[in-house]
């Protein structure tokens, strides 16, 4: 391996470590395979990588301006109402907003089902 390859891998490792710290501190863990199956009931094309991307976008964009709210903090309708306005403020693209919405709604539903 070259020095630049090692540097690139080191930077990726550092970034993922920092992201894990932010996600854990907020009480948001990485999506599980059970959550993927749950999400696919609503959105057939949803996969683990898209849910992880939604978590990453949520923690990096939304956490810049305010505390990260747990998915159960709001009803599904409330999330659907507030996300478009917040996306405008945070300059989140429609594609990124979709990933965040799917992550939050899936985590919310999964958490509610676990409580039963």
C-alpha atoms as a PDB file:
ATOM      1  CA  UNK A   1       0.000   0.000   0.000  1.00  0.00           C
ATOM      2  CA  UNK A   2       1.099   3.500  -0.704  1.00  0.00           C
ATOM      3  CA  UNK A   3       1.136   6.355   1.793  1.00  0.00           C
ATOM      4  CA  UNK A   4      -1.785   8.071   0.024  1.00  0.00           C
ATOM      5  CA  UNK A   5      -3.870   4.878   0.217  1.00  0.00           C
ATOM      6  CA  UNK A   6      -3.131   4.539   3.920  1.00  0.00           C
ATOM      7  CA  UNK A   7      -4.001   8.201   4.436  1.00  0.00           C
ATOM      8  CA  UNK A   8      -7.298   7.757   2.591  1.00  0.00           C
ATOM      9  CA  UNK A   9      -8.228   4.718   4.687  1.00  0.00           C
ATOM     10  CA  UNK A  10      -7.171   6.531   7.853  1.00  0.00           C
ATOM     11  CA  UNK A  11      -9.396   9.494   6.994  1.00  0.00           C
ATOM     12  CA  UNK A  12     -12.348   7.180   6.284  1.00  0.00           C
ATOM     13  CA  UNK A  13     -11.789   5.350   9.574  1.00  0.00           C
ATOM     14  CA  UNK A  14     -11.602   8.625  11.489  1.00  0.00           C
ATOM     15  CA  UNK A  15     -14.773   9.983   9.855  1.00  0.00           C
ATOM     16  CA  UNK A  16     -16.756   6.816  10.545  1.00  0.00           C
ATOM     17  CA  UNK A  17     -15.517   6.846  14.154  1.00  0.00           C
ATOM     18  CA  UNK A  18     -16.616  10.440  14.638  1.00  0.00           C
ATOM     19  CA  UNK A  19     -19.981   9.703  13.052  1.00  0.00           C
ATOM     20  CA  UNK A  20     -20.457   6.732  15.366  1.00  0.00           C
ATOM     21  CA  UNK A  21     -19.766   8.970  18.370  1.00  0.00           C
ATOM     22  CA  UNK A  22     -22.351  11.526  17.226  1.00  0.00           C
ATOM     23  CA  UNK A  23     -24.939   8.850  16.510  1.00  0.00           C
ATOM     24  CA  UNK A  24     -24.357   7.057  19.812  1.00  0.00           C
ATOM     25  CA  UNK A  25     -24.385  10.284  21.806  1.00  0.00           C
ATOM     26  CA  UNK A  26     -27.774  11.113  20.346  1.00  0.00           C
ATOM     27  CA  UNK A  27     -29.094   7.663  21.238  1.00  0.00           C
ATOM     28  CA  UNK A  28     -29.412   6.745  17.572  1.00  0.00           C
ATOM     29  CA  UNK A  29     -27.859   3.402  16.726  1.00  0.00           C
ATOM     30  CA  UNK A  30     -27.115   2.100  13.266  1.00  0.00           C
ATOM     31  CA  UNK A  31     -30.124   0.565  11.489  1.00  0.00           C
ATOM     32  CA  UNK A  32     -30.619  -3.156  11.928  1.00  0.00           C
ATOM     33  CA  UNK A  33     -31.570  -5.837   9.421  1.00  0.00           C
ATOM     34  CA  UNK A  34     -34.999  -6.027  11.083  1.00  0.00           C
ATOM     35  CA  UNK A  35     -35.477  -2.351  10.297  1.00  0.00           C
ATOM     36  CA  UNK A  36     -34.550  -2.975   6.662  1.00  0.00           C
ATOM     37  CA  UNK A  37     -37.264  -5.640   6.400  1.00  0.00           C
ATOM     38  CA  UNK A  38     -39.744  -3.269   8.011  1.00  0.00           C
ATOM     39  CA  UNK A  39     -38.786  -0.432   5.658  1.00  0.00           C
ATOM     40  CA  UNK A  40     -39.097  -2.674   2.608  1.00  0.00           C
ATOM     41  CA  UNK A  41     -42.772  -3.224   3.413  1.00  0.00           C
ATOM     42  CA  UNK A  42     -43.315   0.461   2.555  1.00  0.00           C
ATOM     43  CA  UNK A  43     -40.472   1.144   0.134  1.00  0.00           C
ATOM     44  CA  UNK A  44     -39.388  -1.949  -1.802  1.00  0.00           C
ATOM     45  CA  UNK A  45     -36.085  -0.436  -2.928  1.00  0.00           C
ATOM     46  CA  UNK A  46     -35.000   0.490   0.604  1.00  0.00           C
ATOM     47  CA  UNK A  47     -31.873  -1.282   1.850  1.00  0.00           C
ATOM     48  CA  UNK A  48     -29.419  -1.153   4.734  1.00  0.00           C
ATOM     49  CA  UNK A  49     -27.178   1.360   2.969  1.00  0.00           C
ATOM     50  CA  UNK A  50     -30.031   3.794   2.360  1.00  0.00           C
ATOM     51  CA  UNK A  51     -31.129   3.629   6.014  1.00  0.00           C
ATOM     52  CA  UNK A  52     -27.525   4.172   7.124  1.00  0.00           C
ATOM     53  CA  UNK A  53     -27.307   7.132   4.735  1.00  0.00           C
ATOM     54  CA  UNK A  54     -30.495   8.555   6.275  1.00  0.00           C
ATOM     55  CA  UNK A  55     -28.977   8.259   9.747  1.00  0.00           C
ATOM     56  CA  UNK A  56     -25.758   9.919   8.589  1.00  0.00           C
ATOM     57  CA  UNK A  57     -27.611  12.783   6.920  1.00  0.00           C
ATOM     58  CA  UNK A  58     -29.862  13.255   9.952  1.00  0.00           C
ATOM     59  CA  UNK A  59     -26.965  13.386  12.411  1.00  0.00           C
ATOM     60  CA  UNK A  60     -24.744  15.607  10.276  1.00  0.00           C
ATOM     61  CA  UNK A  61     -27.282  18.079   8.866  1.00  0.00           C
ATOM     62  CA  UNK A  62     -30.005  18.286  11.485  1.00  0.00           C
ATOM     63  CA  UNK A  63     -27.668  18.152  14.461  1.00  0.00           C
ATOM     64  CA  UNK A  64     -25.873  21.307  13.298  1.00  0.00           C
ATOM     65  CA  UNK A  65     -28.754  23.602  14.270  1.00  0.00           C
ATOM     66  CA  UNK A  66     -30.546  21.821  17.111  1.00  0.00           C
ATOM     67  CA  UNK A  67     -30.516  18.726  19.252  1.00  0.00           C
ATOM     68  CA  UNK A  68     -31.259  15.484  17.467  1.00  0.00           C
ATOM     69  CA  UNK A  69     -34.776  14.425  18.295  1.00  0.00           C
ATOM     70  CA  UNK A  70     -35.487  10.748  18.690  1.00  0.00           C
ATOM     71  CA  UNK A  71     -37.875   9.378  16.064  1.00  0.00           C
ATOM     72  CA  UNK A  72     -40.558   8.826  18.726  1.00  0.00           C
ATOM     73  CA  UNK A  73     -40.448  12.495  19.711  1.00  0.00           C
ATOM     74  CA  UNK A  74     -42.983  13.292  16.989  1.00  0.00           C
ATOM     75  CA  UNK A  75     -45.851  11.537  15.271  1.00  0.00           C
ATOM     76  CA  UNK A  76     -45.383  10.376  11.713  1.00  0.00           C
ATOM     77  CA  UNK A  77     -47.555  13.231  10.464  1.00  0.00           C
ATOM     78  CA  UNK A  78     -45.494  15.752  12.431  1.00  0.00           C
ATOM     79  CA  UNK A  79     -42.250  14.442  10.889  1.00  0.00           C
ATOM     80  CA  UNK A  80     -43.802  14.619   7.436  1.00  0.00           C
ATOM     81  CA  UNK A  81     -44.940  18.203   8.086  1.00  0.00           C
ATOM     82  CA  UNK A  82     -41.680  19.558   9.510  1.00  0.00           C
ATOM     83  CA  UNK A  83     -39.094  17.819   7.314  1.00  0.00           C
ATOM     84  CA  UNK A  84     -39.707  19.873   4.137  1.00  0.00           C
ATOM     85  CA  UNK A  85     -39.283  23.182   5.990  1.00  0.00           C
ATOM     86  CA  UNK A  86     -36.205  21.978   7.867  1.00  0.00           C
ATOM     87  CA  UNK A  87     -34.753  20.638   4.608  1.00  0.00           C
ATOM     88  CA  UNK A  88     -35.040  24.092   3.045  1.00  0.00           C
ATOM     89  CA  UNK A  89     -33.293  25.710   5.991  1.00  0.00           C
ATOM     90  CA  UNK A  90     -30.493  23.122   6.042  1.00  0.00           C
ATOM     91  CA  UNK A  91     -30.139  23.075   2.254  1.00  0.00           C
ATOM     92  CA  UNK A  92     -30.927  19.366   2.095  1.00  0.00           C
ATOM     93  CA  UNK A  93     -31.711  18.043  -1.376  1.00  0.00           C
ATOM     94  CA  UNK A  94     -34.988  16.210  -2.064  1.00  0.00           C
ATOM     95  CA  UNK A  95     -33.037  12.943  -2.381  1.00  0.00           C
ATOM     96  CA  UNK A  96     -31.364  13.493   0.999  1.00  0.00           C
ATOM     97  CA  UNK A  97     -34.698  14.434   2.550  1.00  0.00           C
ATOM     98  CA  UNK A  98     -36.164  11.145   1.306  1.00  0.00           C
ATOM     99  CA  UNK A  99     -33.361   9.161   2.979  1.00  0.00           C
ATOM    100  CA  UNK A 100     -33.784  11.055   6.259  1.00  0.00           C
ATOM    101  CA  UNK A 101     -37.572  10.608   6.177  1.00  0.00           C
ATOM    102  CA  UNK A 102     -37.293   6.871   5.544  1.00  0.00           C
ATOM    103  CA  UNK A 103     -34.749   6.441   8.327  1.00  0.00           C
ATOM    104  CA  UNK A 104     -36.824   8.393  10.871  1.00  0.00           C
ATOM    105  CA  UNK A 105     -40.155   6.775   9.997  1.00  0.00           C
ATOM    106  CA  UNK A 106     -38.666   3.285   9.934  1.00  0.00           C
ATOM    107  CA  UNK A 107     -36.911   3.766  13.275  1.00  0.00           C
ATOM    108  CA  UNK A 108     -40.107   5.224  14.743  1.00  0.00           C
ATOM    109  CA  UNK A 109     -42.237   2.286  13.597  1.00  0.00           C
ATOM    110  CA  UNK A 110     -39.603  -0.258  14.650  1.00  0.00           C
ATOM    111  CA  UNK A 111     -39.343   1.255  18.145  1.00  0.00           C
ATOM    112  CA  UNK A 112     -43.129   1.286  18.540  1.00  0.00           C
ATOM    113  CA  UNK A 113     -43.390  -2.350  17.468  1.00  0.00           C
ATOM    114  CA  UNK A 114     -40.669  -3.397  19.904  1.00  0.00           C
ATOM    115  CA  UNK A 115     -42.619  -1.821  22.770  1.00  0.00           C
ATOM    116  CA  UNK A 116     -45.678  -4.028  22.112  1.00  0.00           C
END
